[in-house]
PDB file of N, CA and C in Angstrom:
ATOM      1  N   MET A   1     -21.752  23.096   5.155  1.00  0.00           N
ATOM      2  CA  MET A   1     -22.269  24.151   4.237  1.00  0.00           C
ATOM      3  C   MET A   1     -21.788  23.653   2.735  1.00  0.00           C
ATOM      4  N   LYS A   2     -22.649  23.691   1.790  1.00  0.00           N
ATOM      5  CA  LYS A   2     -22.166  23.404   0.496  1.00  0.00           C
ATOM      6  C   LYS A   2     -21.668  24.637  -0.164  1.00  0.00           C
ATOM      7  N   SER A   3     -21.049  24.555  -1.267  1.00  0.00           N
ATOM      8  CA  SER A   3     -20.552  25.567  -2.118  1.00  0.00           C
ATOM      9  C   SER A   3     -21.154  25.471  -3.465  1.00  0.00           C
ATOM     10  N   LEU A   4     -21.319  26.773  -4.009  1.00  0.00           N
ATOM     11  CA  LEU A   4     -21.867  26.928  -5.359  1.00  0.00           C
ATOM     12  C   LEU A   4     -21.005  27.801  -6.402  1.00  0.00           C
ATOM     13  N   SER A   5     -20.858  27.394  -7.476  1.00  0.00           N
ATOM     14  CA  SER A   5     -19.924  28.144  -8.324  1.00  0.00           C
ATOM     15  C   SER A   5     -20.831  28.766  -9.355  1.00  0.00           C
ATOM     16  N   ILE A   6     -20.594  29.995  -9.620  1.00  0.00           N
ATOM     17  CA  ILE A   6     -21.410  30.642 -10.650  1.00  0.00           C
ATOM     18  C   ILE A   6     -20.541  31.350 -11.714  1.00  0.00           C
ATOM     19  N   ARG A   7     -21.110  31.758 -12.738  1.00  0.00           N
ATOM     20  CA  ARG A   7     -20.486  32.555 -13.845  1.00  0.00           C
ATOM     21  C   ARG A   7     -21.174  33.963 -13.784  1.00  0.00           C
ATOM     22  N   ILE A   8     -20.438  34.877 -13.762  1.00  0.00           N
ATOM     23  CA  ILE A   8     -20.899  36.320 -13.575  1.00  0.00           C
ATOM     24  C   ILE A   8     -19.856  37.120 -14.452  1.00  0.00           C
ATOM     25  N   GLU A   9     -20.554  38.066 -15.155  1.00  0.00           N
ATOM     26  CA  GLU A   9     -19.676  39.081 -15.898  1.00  0.00           C
ATOM     27  C   GLU A   9     -18.894  39.956 -15.046  1.00  0.00           C
ATOM     28  N   PRO A  10     -17.626  40.153 -15.489  1.00  0.00           N
ATOM     29  CA  PRO A  10     -16.747  40.991 -14.547  1.00  0.00           C
ATOM     30  C   PRO A  10     -17.258  42.375 -14.074  1.00  0.00           C
ATOM     31  N   GLU A  11     -18.181  43.017 -14.963  1.00  0.00           N
ATOM     32  CA  GLU A  11     -18.579  44.290 -14.607  1.00  0.00           C
ATOM     33  C   GLU A  11     -19.596  44.149 -13.399  1.00  0.00           C
ATOM     34  N   LEU A  12     -20.538  43.121 -13.500  1.00  0.00           N
ATOM     35  CA  LEU A  12     -21.481  42.924 -12.607  1.00  0.00           C
ATOM     36  C   LEU A  12     -20.774  42.410 -11.229  1.00  0.00           C
ATOM     37  N   LEU A  13     -19.820  41.761 -11.411  1.00  0.00           N
ATOM     38  CA  LEU A  13     -19.034  41.262 -10.087  1.00  0.00           C
ATOM     39  C   LEU A  13     -18.501  42.421  -9.445  1.00  0.00           C
ATOM     40  N   ASP A  14     -17.827  43.296 -10.262  1.00  0.00           N
ATOM     41  CA  ASP A  14     -17.265  44.541  -9.687  1.00  0.00           C
ATOM     42  C   ASP A  14     -18.305  45.352  -8.872  1.00  0.00           C
ATOM     43  N   LYS A  15     -19.482  45.380  -9.462  1.00  0.00           N
ATOM     44  CA  LYS A  15     -20.521  46.253  -8.864  1.00  0.00           C
ATOM     45  C   LYS A  15     -21.080  45.536  -7.449  1.00  0.00           C
ATOM     46  N   LEU A  16     -21.178  44.235  -7.479  1.00  0.00           N
ATOM     47  CA  LEU A  16     -21.552  43.464  -6.444  1.00  0.00           C
ATOM     48  C   LEU A  16     -20.514  43.691  -5.239  1.00  0.00           C
ATOM     49  N   HIS A  17     -19.255  43.837  -5.554  1.00  0.00           N
ATOM     50  CA  HIS A  17     -18.278  44.149  -4.524  1.00  0.00           C
ATOM     51  C   HIS A  17     -18.458  45.497  -3.934  1.00  0.00           C
ATOM     52  N   ILE A  18     -18.897  46.359  -4.990  1.00  0.00           N
ATOM     53  CA  ILE A  18     -19.172  47.805  -4.347  1.00  0.00           C
ATOM     54  C   ILE A  18     -20.135  47.776  -3.359  1.00  0.00           C
ATOM     55  N   VAL A  19     -21.325  47.137  -3.860  1.00  0.00           N
ATOM     56  CA  VAL A  19     -22.524  47.155  -2.904  1.00  0.00           C
ATOM     57  C   VAL A  19     -22.248  46.344  -1.590  1.00  0.00           C
ATOM     58  N   ALA A  20     -21.614  45.301  -1.668  1.00  0.00           N
ATOM     59  CA  ALA A  20     -21.155  44.535  -0.565  1.00  0.00           C
ATOM     60  C   ALA A  20     -20.275  45.223   0.419  1.00  0.00           C
ATOM     61  N   ASP A  21     -19.380  45.985  -0.049  1.00  0.00           N
ATOM     62  CA  ASP A  21     -18.306  46.787   0.617  1.00  0.00           C
ATOM     63  C   ASP A  21     -19.199  47.855   1.379  1.00  0.00           C
ATOM     64  N   TYR A  22     -20.136  48.568   0.693  1.00  0.00           N
ATOM     65  CA  TYR A  22     -20.949  49.666   1.235  1.00  0.00           C
ATOM     66  C   TYR A  22     -21.735  49.028   2.425  1.00  0.00           C
ATOM     67  N   GLU A  23     -22.276  47.901   2.273  1.00  0.00           N
ATOM     68  CA  GLU A  23     -23.046  47.196   3.396  1.00  0.00           C
ATOM     69  C   GLU A  23     -22.281  46.647   4.395  1.00  0.00           C
ATOM     70  N   GLY A  24     -20.843  46.579   4.271  1.00  0.00           N
ATOM     71  CA  GLY A  24     -19.866  46.018   5.294  1.00  0.00           C
ATOM     72  C   GLY A  24     -19.923  44.498   5.300  1.00  0.00           C
ATOM     73  N   ARG A  25     -20.136  43.921   4.015  1.00  0.00           N
ATOM     74  CA  ARG A  25     -20.195  42.420   3.916  1.00  0.00           C
ATOM     75  C   ARG A  25     -19.249  42.029   2.880  1.00  0.00           C
ATOM     76  N   SER A  26     -18.974  40.774   2.849  1.00  0.00           N
ATOM     77  CA  SER A  26     -18.371  40.169   1.773  1.00  0.00           C
ATOM     78  C   SER A  26     -19.227  39.945   0.587  1.00  0.00           C
ATOM     79  N   ALA A  27     -18.725  39.698  -0.515  1.00  0.00           N
ATOM     80  CA  ALA A  27     -19.549  39.433  -1.787  1.00  0.00           C
ATOM     81  C   ALA A  27     -20.303  38.099  -1.438  1.00  0.00           C
ATOM     82  N   ASN A  28     -19.605  37.186  -0.820  1.00  0.00           N
ATOM     83  CA  ASN A  28     -20.417  35.917  -0.582  1.00  0.00           C
ATOM     84  C   ASN A  28     -21.590  36.138   0.323  1.00  0.00           C
ATOM     85  N   SER A  29     -21.519  36.854   1.416  1.00  0.00           N
ATOM     86  CA  SER A  29     -22.485  37.225   2.420  1.00  0.00           C
ATOM     87  C   SER A  29     -23.534  37.913   1.676  1.00  0.00           C
ATOM     88  N   GLN A  30     -23.154  38.861   0.844  1.00  0.00           N
ATOM     89  CA  GLN A  30     -24.309  39.687   0.161  1.00  0.00           C
ATOM     90  C   GLN A  30     -25.155  38.761  -0.795  1.00  0.00           C
ATOM     91  N   ILE A  31     -24.436  37.856  -1.490  1.00  0.00           N
ATOM     92  CA  ILE A  31     -25.263  36.965  -2.291  1.00  0.00           C
ATOM     93  C   ILE A  31     -26.131  36.007  -1.507  1.00  0.00           C
ATOM     94  N   LEU A  32     -25.656  35.602  -0.362  1.00  0.00           N
ATOM     95  CA  LEU A  32     -26.559  34.829   0.507  1.00  0.00           C
ATOM     96  C   LEU A  32     -27.817  35.636   0.947  1.00  0.00           C
ATOM     97  N   ILE A  33     -27.590  36.874   1.285  1.00  0.00           N
ATOM     98  CA  ILE A  33     -28.803  37.697   1.688  1.00  0.00           C
ATOM     99  C   ILE A  33     -29.697  37.907   0.475  1.00  0.00           C
ATOM    100  N   LEU A  34     -29.176  38.103  -0.570  1.00  0.00           N
ATOM    101  CA  LEU A  34     -30.123  38.157  -1.787  1.00  0.00           C
ATOM    102  C   LEU A  34     -30.905  36.900  -2.164  1.00  0.00           C
ATOM    103  N   ILE A  35     -30.242  35.837  -2.058  1.00  0.00           N
ATOM    104  CA  ILE A  35     -30.934  34.395  -2.265  1.00  0.00           C
ATOM    105  C   ILE A  35     -31.972  34.140  -1.195  1.00  0.00           C
ATOM    106  N   ARG A  36     -31.592  34.549   0.051  1.00  0.00           N
ATOM    107  CA  ARG A  36     -32.656  34.365   1.053  1.00  0.00           C
ATOM    108  C   ARG A  36     -33.767  35.291   0.816  1.00  0.00           C
ATOM    109  N   ARG A  37     -33.584  36.563   0.399  1.00  0.00           N
ATOM    110  CA  ARG A  37     -34.744  37.260   0.241  1.00  0.00           C
ATOM    111  C   ARG A  37     -35.488  36.949  -1.072  1.00  0.00           C
ATOM    112  N   CYS A  38     -34.817  36.205  -2.044  1.00  0.00           N
ATOM    113  CA  CYS A  38     -35.609  35.699  -3.224  1.00  0.00           C
ATOM    114  C   CYS A  38     -36.424  34.588  -2.632  1.00  0.00           C
ATOM    115  N   VAL A  39     -35.909  33.681  -1.889  1.00  0.00           N
ATOM    116  CA  VAL A  39     -36.722  32.500  -1.469  1.00  0.00           C
ATOM    117  C   VAL A  39     -37.830  33.093  -0.474  1.00  0.00           C
ATOM    118  N   GLU A  40     -37.624  33.903   0.416  1.00  0.00           N
ATOM    119  CA  GLU A  40     -38.700  34.551   1.152  1.00  0.00           C
ATOM    120  C   GLU A  40     -39.801  34.885   0.395  1.00  0.00           C
ATOM    121  N   GLN A  41     -39.527  35.914  -0.711  1.00  0.00           N
ATOM    122  CA  GLN A  41     -40.584  36.395  -1.425  1.00  0.00           C
ATOM    123  C   GLN A  41     -41.280  35.256  -2.268  1.00  0.00           C
ATOM    124  N   TYR A  42     -40.570  34.295  -2.765  1.00  0.00           N
ATOM    125  CA  TYR A  42     -41.238  33.257  -3.477  1.00  0.00           C
ATOM    126  C   TYR A  42     -42.280  32.516  -2.487  1.00  0.00           C
ATOM    127  N   GLU A  43     -41.811  32.109  -1.305  1.00  0.00           N
ATOM    128  CA  GLU A  43     -42.587  31.471  -0.325  1.00  0.00           C
ATOM    129  C   GLU A  43     -43.829  32.380   0.055  1.00  0.00           C
ATOM    130  N   LYS A  44     -43.580  33.584   0.077  1.00  0.00           N
ATOM    131  CA  LYS A  44     -44.681  34.523   0.554  1.00  0.00           C
ATOM    132  C   LYS A  44     -45.754  34.484  -0.509  1.00  0.00           C
ATOM    133  N   GLU A  45     -45.336  34.532  -1.724  1.00  0.00           N
ATOM    134  CA  GLU A  45     -46.507  34.435  -2.897  1.00  0.00           C
ATOM    135  C   GLU A  45     -46.939  33.042  -3.140  1.00  0.00           C
ATOM    136  N   HIS A  46     -46.194  31.960  -2.852  1.00  0.00           N
ATOM    137  CA  HIS A  46     -46.567  30.627  -3.262  1.00  0.00           C
ATOM    138  C   HIS A  46     -46.702  29.696  -2.158  1.00  0.00           C
ATOM    139  N   GLY A  47     -46.325  29.993  -1.077  1.00  0.00           N
ATOM    140  CA  GLY A  47     -46.371  29.044   0.125  1.00  0.00           C
ATOM    141  C   GLY A  47     -44.963  28.454   0.351  1.00  0.00           C
ATOM    142  N   GLU A  48     -44.911  27.893   1.605  1.00  0.00           N
ATOM    143  CA  GLU A  48     -43.611  27.341   1.894  1.00  0.00           C
ATOM    144  C   GLU A  48     -43.082  26.239   1.061  1.00  0.00           C
ATOM    145  N   ILE A  49     -41.839  26.186   0.665  1.00  0.00           N
ATOM    146  CA  ILE A  49     -41.245  25.271  -0.079  1.00  0.00           C
ATOM    147  C   ILE A  49     -40.958  24.083   0.789  1.00  0.00           C
ATOM    148  N   GLU A  50     -41.633  22.786   0.440  1.00  0.00           N
ATOM    149  CA  GLU A  50     -41.289  21.553   0.982  1.00  0.00           C
ATOM    150  C   GLU A  50     -40.131  20.822   0.394  1.00  0.00           C
ATOM    151  N   LEU A  51     -39.166  20.630   1.176  1.00  0.00           N
ATOM    152  CA  LEU A  51     -38.012  19.999   0.813  1.00  0.00           C
ATOM    153  C   LEU A  51     -38.048  18.502   0.811  1.00  0.00           C
ATOM    154  N   GLY A  52     -37.369  17.723  -0.032  1.00  0.00           N
ATOM    155  CA  GLY A  52     -37.566  16.411  -0.161  1.00  0.00           C
ATOM    156  C   GLY A  52     -38.391  15.887  -1.167  1.00  0.00           C
ATOM    157  N   ARG A  53     -39.110  16.781  -1.821  1.00  0.00           N
ATOM    158  CA  ARG A  53     -39.917  16.387  -3.075  1.00  0.00           C
ATOM    159  C   ARG A  53     -39.119  16.945  -4.258  1.00  0.00           C
ATOM    160  N   LYS A  54     -39.400  16.290  -5.365  1.00  0.00           N
ATOM    161  CA  LYS A  54     -38.536  16.688  -6.601  1.00  0.00           C
ATOM    162  C   LYS A  54     -39.520  16.977  -7.510  1.00  0.00           C
TER     163      LYS A  54
END
């Protein structure tokens, strides 16, 4: 698995932790769920993303 570093405002990070705690997840797991939903929505609207193309 690869890692990704992001910059995030402290207040937004604090809110993310609250949401993740409520859902019983770590902040990392919550972010992965949100990213997956984003990709799924994109593919629903635009078709499956084909990897290997630039």
